[in-house]
Amino acid sequence: MYSYLAITPHIDLALISLYVFWAFFAGLIYYLHRESKREGYPLVEDRGSRAISIVGFPGIPDPKTYILHGDHTSTLPSGRQDRSDLAIAPTASFSGAPYAPTGDPMGAGVGPGAWAERQDVPDLTVDGAPKIVPLRAAPTFWIAAEDPDPRGFAVVGGDKRVAGVVSDIWVDLSEYMMRYFEVELPSGRKVLLPTTFAKVDGKRGRVICEALYSDNFAGVPVTKSPDQVTLLEEDMIVGYYGGGLLYAHPGRAEPLL
């Protein structure tokens, strides 16, 4: 007895639907795996001297231009190579050996201090305005009366010495939160301190940053604009503080035992 949905005694609509689903799902996996190779491919030999290009299957997709917020565009794959000016050297001769900085580790931008070459433009709000600005440029924002106002507080490094004074606070206009403390150094230079690397001690009137020692603050990357910070500058600044967790003092990079 045949079902009215049967095409032959062995093929019916349910079986065809199953095969169509399998074909669609296989195509979806192929498409997503291929699209995932728009960035980070081709893989290269870690020594850099051997011309090895690893792509695998499927291959790298054709370039596609994406329209970003703020009239910016990004074409991927871009063909742009990773940073090649890294002052590092392998700690051993075997392949895969870890690298160590060869010069000033705080300024090397490697390891915990690594940063990516992001676009050198500010992050924007939905209205197209710079998203992270100091309070002096955001008159509609203020510190809640219930919280301590850290402006004027001393900034203390991991060596318990004063590095500078908080001169302003940079806020995120989209997230309604503090992102950076602006620190004025004794030299008059102003640098940004990410709030994630700081602890506010309202009772003692100070901001503590264990990541850096007081003399390390002079090397914090500065912004080109006094009232804006770009995506690239943010990565470099946060990377510098991250590097301080390991490189601010030679003793931090030594074994515990």
Protein backbone atom coordinates (compact mmCIF):
# COMPACT_ATOMS: atom_id res chain seq x y z
CA MET A 1 0.00 0.00 0.00
CA TYR A 2 1.41 3.35 -1.07
CA SER A 3 1.19 6.64 0.82
CA TYR A 4 0.01 9.61 -1.20
CA LEU A 5 3.32 11.29 -0.17
CA ALA A 6 5.41 8.47 -1.65
CA ILE A 7 7.24 8.97 -4.95
CA THR A 8 8.49 5.38 -5.21
CA PRO A 9 8.22 2.46 -2.76
CA HIS A 10 11.55 3.61 -1.23
CA ILE A 11 11.44 7.42 -1.60
CA ASP A 12 8.86 9.70 -0.05
CA LEU A 13 8.60 13.38 0.86
CA ALA A 14 10.04 12.86 4.35
CA LEU A 15 13.20 11.25 2.96
CA ILE A 16 13.62 14.00 0.38
CA SER A 17 13.20 16.63 3.12
CA LEU A 18 15.90 14.90 5.17
CA TYR A 19 18.34 14.89 2.24
CA VAL A 20 17.62 18.54 1.49
CA PHE A 21 18.29 19.41 5.15
CA TRP A 22 21.59 17.50 5.09
CA ALA A 23 22.67 19.30 1.92
CA PHE A 24 21.68 22.70 3.34
CA PHE A 25 23.48 22.04 6.64
CA ALA A 26 26.64 20.88 4.85
CA GLY A 27 26.58 24.03 2.73
CA LEU A 28 26.07 26.17 5.84
CA ILE A 29 29.07 24.59 7.57
CA TYR A 30 31.20 25.13 4.45
CA TYR A 31 30.11 28.78 4.20
CA LEU A 32 30.70 29.59 7.87
CA HIS A 33 34.09 27.86 7.93
CA ARG A 34 35.15 29.76 4.82
CA GLU A 35 33.92 33.09 6.21
CA SER A 36 35.88 32.48 9.43
CA LYS A 37 39.08 32.78 7.39
CA ARG A 38 38.60 36.45 6.53
CA GLU A 39 40.96 37.34 9.38
CA GLY A 40 43.98 35.47 10.73
CA TYR A 41 44.76 33.57 7.53
CA PRO A 42 46.99 32.40 5.97
CA LEU A 43 48.82 31.00 8.98
CA VAL A 44 52.58 31.55 8.89
CA GLU A 45 55.66 29.86 10.32
CA ASP A 46 56.42 31.32 13.75
CA ARG A 47 60.10 31.80 12.91
CA GLY A 48 59.23 34.08 10.01
CA SER A 49 62.19 33.01 7.85
CA ARG A 50 60.41 30.07 6.24
CA ALA A 51 57.86 30.90 3.57
CA ILE A 52 55.05 28.65 4.77
CA SER A 53 51.44 29.61 4.10
CA ILE A 54 48.83 27.40 5.74
CA VAL A 55 45.24 27.86 4.61
CA GLY A 56 43.58 24.46 4.62
CA PHE A 57 40.15 23.65 3.19
CA PRO A 58 38.16 25.59 2.21
CA GLY A 59 40.30 28.42 0.90
CA ILE A 60 40.27 32.09 1.86
CA PRO A 61 37.14 33.90 0.57
CA ASP A 62 37.24 36.78 -1.88
CA PRO A 63 37.62 40.27 -0.37
CA LYS A 64 34.42 41.87 0.87
CA THR A 65 33.97 45.48 2.01
CA TYR A 66 31.92 46.07 5.16
CA ILE A 67 30.32 49.44 5.88
CA LEU A 68 30.93 50.35 9.51
CA HIS A 69 29.35 52.89 11.81
CA GLY A 70 30.59 56.42 11.22
CA ASP A 71 31.13 56.14 7.44
CA HIS A 72 34.15 53.88 7.91
CA THR A 73 34.72 50.76 5.83
CA SER A 74 36.75 47.60 6.31
CA THR A 75 37.78 45.25 3.51
CA LEU A 76 38.52 41.66 4.50
CA PRO A 77 40.73 39.81 3.81
CA SER A 78 42.89 42.94 3.86
CA GLY A 79 46.23 41.36 3.01
CA ARG A 80 47.81 43.40 5.79
CA GLN A 81 50.55 41.62 7.69
CA ASP A 82 50.94 41.50 11.45
CA ARG A 83 53.38 43.78 13.22
CA SER A 84 56.92 43.01 12.07
CA ASP A 85 58.85 45.43 14.29
CA LEU A 86 58.66 43.32 17.44
CA ALA A 87 61.79 43.46 19.61
CA ILE A 88 61.62 39.81 20.67
CA ALA A 89 63.73 36.68 20.34
CA PRO A 90 63.02 32.99 21.03
CA THR A 91 64.29 31.72 24.37
CA ALA A 92 65.32 28.39 22.83
CA SER A 93 66.20 27.01 19.40
CA PHE A 94 63.32 24.55 19.02
CA SER A 95 60.17 25.44 17.09
CA GLY A 96 57.41 26.79 19.32
CA ALA A 97 59.76 28.09 22.00
CA PRO A 98 58.42 31.12 23.89
CA TYR A 99 59.66 34.59 23.00
CA ALA A 100 61.15 37.16 25.34
CA PRO A 101 61.62 40.93 24.80
CA THR A 102 65.12 41.95 23.71
CA GLY A 103 64.87 45.61 24.68
CA ASP A 104 62.68 47.57 27.07
CA PRO A 105 59.90 45.09 27.84
CA MET A 106 57.47 47.85 28.87
CA GLY A 107 57.63 49.41 25.42
CA ALA A 108 57.88 46.20 23.41
CA GLY A 109 54.13 45.65 23.14
CA VAL A 110 54.41 41.88 23.51
CA GLY A 111 53.25 39.23 25.97
CA PRO A 112 50.82 40.69 28.51
CA GLY A 113 51.50 44.09 26.96
CA ALA A 114 50.52 43.09 23.43
CA TRP A 115 48.22 45.31 21.40
CA ALA A 116 46.55 45.02 17.99
CA GLU A 117 46.72 47.51 15.14
CA ARG A 118 43.13 48.66 15.35
CA GLN A 119 41.77 51.62 13.40
CA ASP A 120 43.24 54.92 14.51
CA VAL A 121 39.80 56.54 14.88
CA PRO A 122 37.63 57.15 17.96
CA ASP A 123 34.87 54.75 18.93
CA LEU A 124 31.55 56.46 18.22
CA THR A 125 28.14 56.73 19.82
CA VAL A 126 24.97 55.98 17.89
CA ASP A 127 24.86 59.69 17.05
CA GLY A 128 28.34 59.62 15.52
CA ALA A 129 30.10 61.51 18.33
CA PRO A 130 33.27 60.28 20.10
CA LYS A 131 32.10 57.85 22.78
CA ILE A 132 34.86 58.25 25.38
CA VAL A 133 35.58 61.83 26.43
CA PRO A 134 36.71 63.67 29.59
CA LEU A 135 34.13 65.19 31.89
CA ARG A 136 35.25 68.65 30.80
CA ALA A 137 33.85 67.78 27.36
CA ALA A 138 30.68 66.14 28.71
CA PRO A 139 28.72 68.81 30.64
CA THR A 140 25.69 66.52 31.07
CA PHE A 141 27.72 63.99 33.10
CA TRP A 142 28.84 64.30 36.70
CA ILE A 143 30.01 62.23 39.66
CA ALA A 144 27.18 61.05 41.92
CA ALA A 145 27.11 62.86 45.26
CA GLU A 146 27.19 59.52 47.09
CA ASP A 147 30.55 58.57 45.55
CA PRO A 148 34.00 60.07 46.11
CA ASP A 149 35.17 62.42 43.37
CA PRO A 150 38.69 61.20 42.55
CA ARG A 151 39.71 64.42 40.81
CA GLY A 152 42.61 65.81 42.78
CA PHE A 153 43.46 62.42 44.32
CA ALA A 154 47.09 61.28 44.29
CA VAL A 155 47.88 58.32 42.03
CA VAL A 156 50.05 55.75 43.80
CA GLY A 157 51.97 53.05 41.93
CA GLY A 158 52.91 49.54 42.95
CA ASP A 159 56.04 50.88 44.67
CA LYS A 160 53.84 52.95 47.04
CA ARG A 161 55.15 56.19 45.52
CA VAL A 162 53.04 59.01 44.12
CA ALA A 163 53.13 59.10 40.32
CA GLY A 164 50.81 62.04 39.72
CA VAL A 165 47.40 63.54 40.38
CA VAL A 166 44.01 62.76 38.84
CA SER A 167 43.15 65.82 36.77
CA ASP A 168 39.96 64.55 35.11
CA ILE A 169 37.80 61.50 34.46
CA TRP A 170 37.02 60.08 31.03
CA VAL A 171 33.51 58.66 30.70
CA ASP A 172 31.74 56.41 28.22
CA LEU A 173 28.77 58.34 26.85
CA SER A 174 27.05 55.14 25.69
CA GLU A 175 27.58 52.96 28.76
CA TYR A 176 27.34 55.70 31.42
CA MET A 177 30.48 54.63 33.23
CA MET A 178 34.03 55.79 33.93
CA ARG A 179 36.66 54.39 31.59
CA TYR A 180 39.87 56.25 32.41
CA PHE A 181 41.43 58.54 34.97
CA GLU A 182 43.44 61.35 33.46
CA VAL A 183 46.69 61.54 35.43
CA GLU A 184 48.85 64.65 35.40
CA LEU A 185 52.49 63.75 36.04
CA PRO A 186 55.01 66.03 37.77
CA SER A 187 56.42 66.87 34.33
CA GLY A 188 53.02 68.24 33.26
CA ARG A 189 52.44 65.34 30.88
CA LYS A 190 48.95 63.84 31.01
CA VAL A 191 48.32 60.12 30.57
CA LEU A 192 45.27 57.88 30.88
CA LEU A 193 44.85 55.23 33.57
CA PRO A 194 42.17 52.58 32.81
CA THR A 195 39.74 52.27 35.70
CA THR A 196 40.10 48.47 35.48
CA PHE A 197 43.71 48.88 36.65
CA ALA A 198 42.86 51.30 39.47
CA LYS A 199 41.37 51.19 42.94
CA VAL A 200 39.89 54.36 44.45
CA ASP A 201 40.62 54.87 48.14
CA GLY A 202 38.17 57.63 49.04
CA LYS A 203 39.13 57.73 52.72
CA ARG A 204 42.79 58.40 52.00
CA GLY A 205 42.17 60.46 48.88
CA ARG A 206 44.22 58.40 46.49
CA VAL A 207 43.96 56.12 43.47
CA ILE A 208 46.10 52.98 43.61
CA CYS A 209 47.52 51.31 40.49
CA GLU A 210 49.44 48.14 41.28
CA ALA A 211 50.19 47.39 37.62
CA LEU A 212 52.81 50.15 37.25
CA TYR A 213 55.51 51.59 39.43
CA SER A 214 55.61 55.36 39.75
CA ASP A 215 58.43 55.80 37.23
CA ASN A 216 56.60 53.66 34.63
CA PHE A 217 53.84 56.25 34.19
CA ALA A 218 56.14 58.42 32.09
CA GLY A 219 56.07 55.76 29.37
CA VAL A 220 52.29 55.44 29.04
CA PRO A 221 51.28 56.12 25.40
CA VAL A 222 49.55 59.49 25.03
CA THR A 223 46.58 60.48 22.90
CA LYS A 224 46.92 62.74 19.88
CA SER A 225 43.88 64.74 20.97
CA PRO A 226 43.42 66.08 24.51
CA ASP A 227 39.69 65.22 24.43
CA GLN A 228 39.55 62.03 22.31
CA VAL A 229 41.07 58.57 22.34
CA THR A 230 41.19 56.30 19.29
CA LEU A 231 40.70 52.54 19.17
CA LEU A 232 44.41 52.06 18.46
CA GLU A 233 45.41 54.34 21.33
CA GLU A 234 43.09 52.46 23.70
CA ASP A 235 44.70 49.15 22.78
CA MET A 236 48.21 50.53 23.26
CA ILE A 237 47.35 52.18 26.59
CA VAL A 238 45.63 49.14 28.08
CA GLY A 239 48.42 46.93 26.72
CA TYR A 240 51.03 49.06 28.48
CA TYR A 241 49.33 48.57 31.84
CA GLY A 242 48.91 44.87 31.13
CA GLY A 243 52.62 44.63 30.42
CA GLY A 244 53.33 46.31 33.74
CA LEU A 245 51.85 43.33 35.59
CA LEU A 246 54.87 41.31 34.41
CA TYR A 247 57.51 43.83 33.35
CA ALA A 248 57.12 46.88 35.62
CA HIS A 249 59.84 45.45 37.87
CA PRO A 250 62.38 42.72 37.03
CA GLY A 251 61.27 40.75 40.07
CA ARG A 252 57.78 40.29 38.64
CA ALA A 253 59.11 38.16 35.79
CA GLU A 254 61.08 35.83 38.06
CA PRO A 255 59.80 32.47 39.38
CA LEU A 256 58.00 32.49 42.71
CA LEU A 257 60.26 29.70 44.03
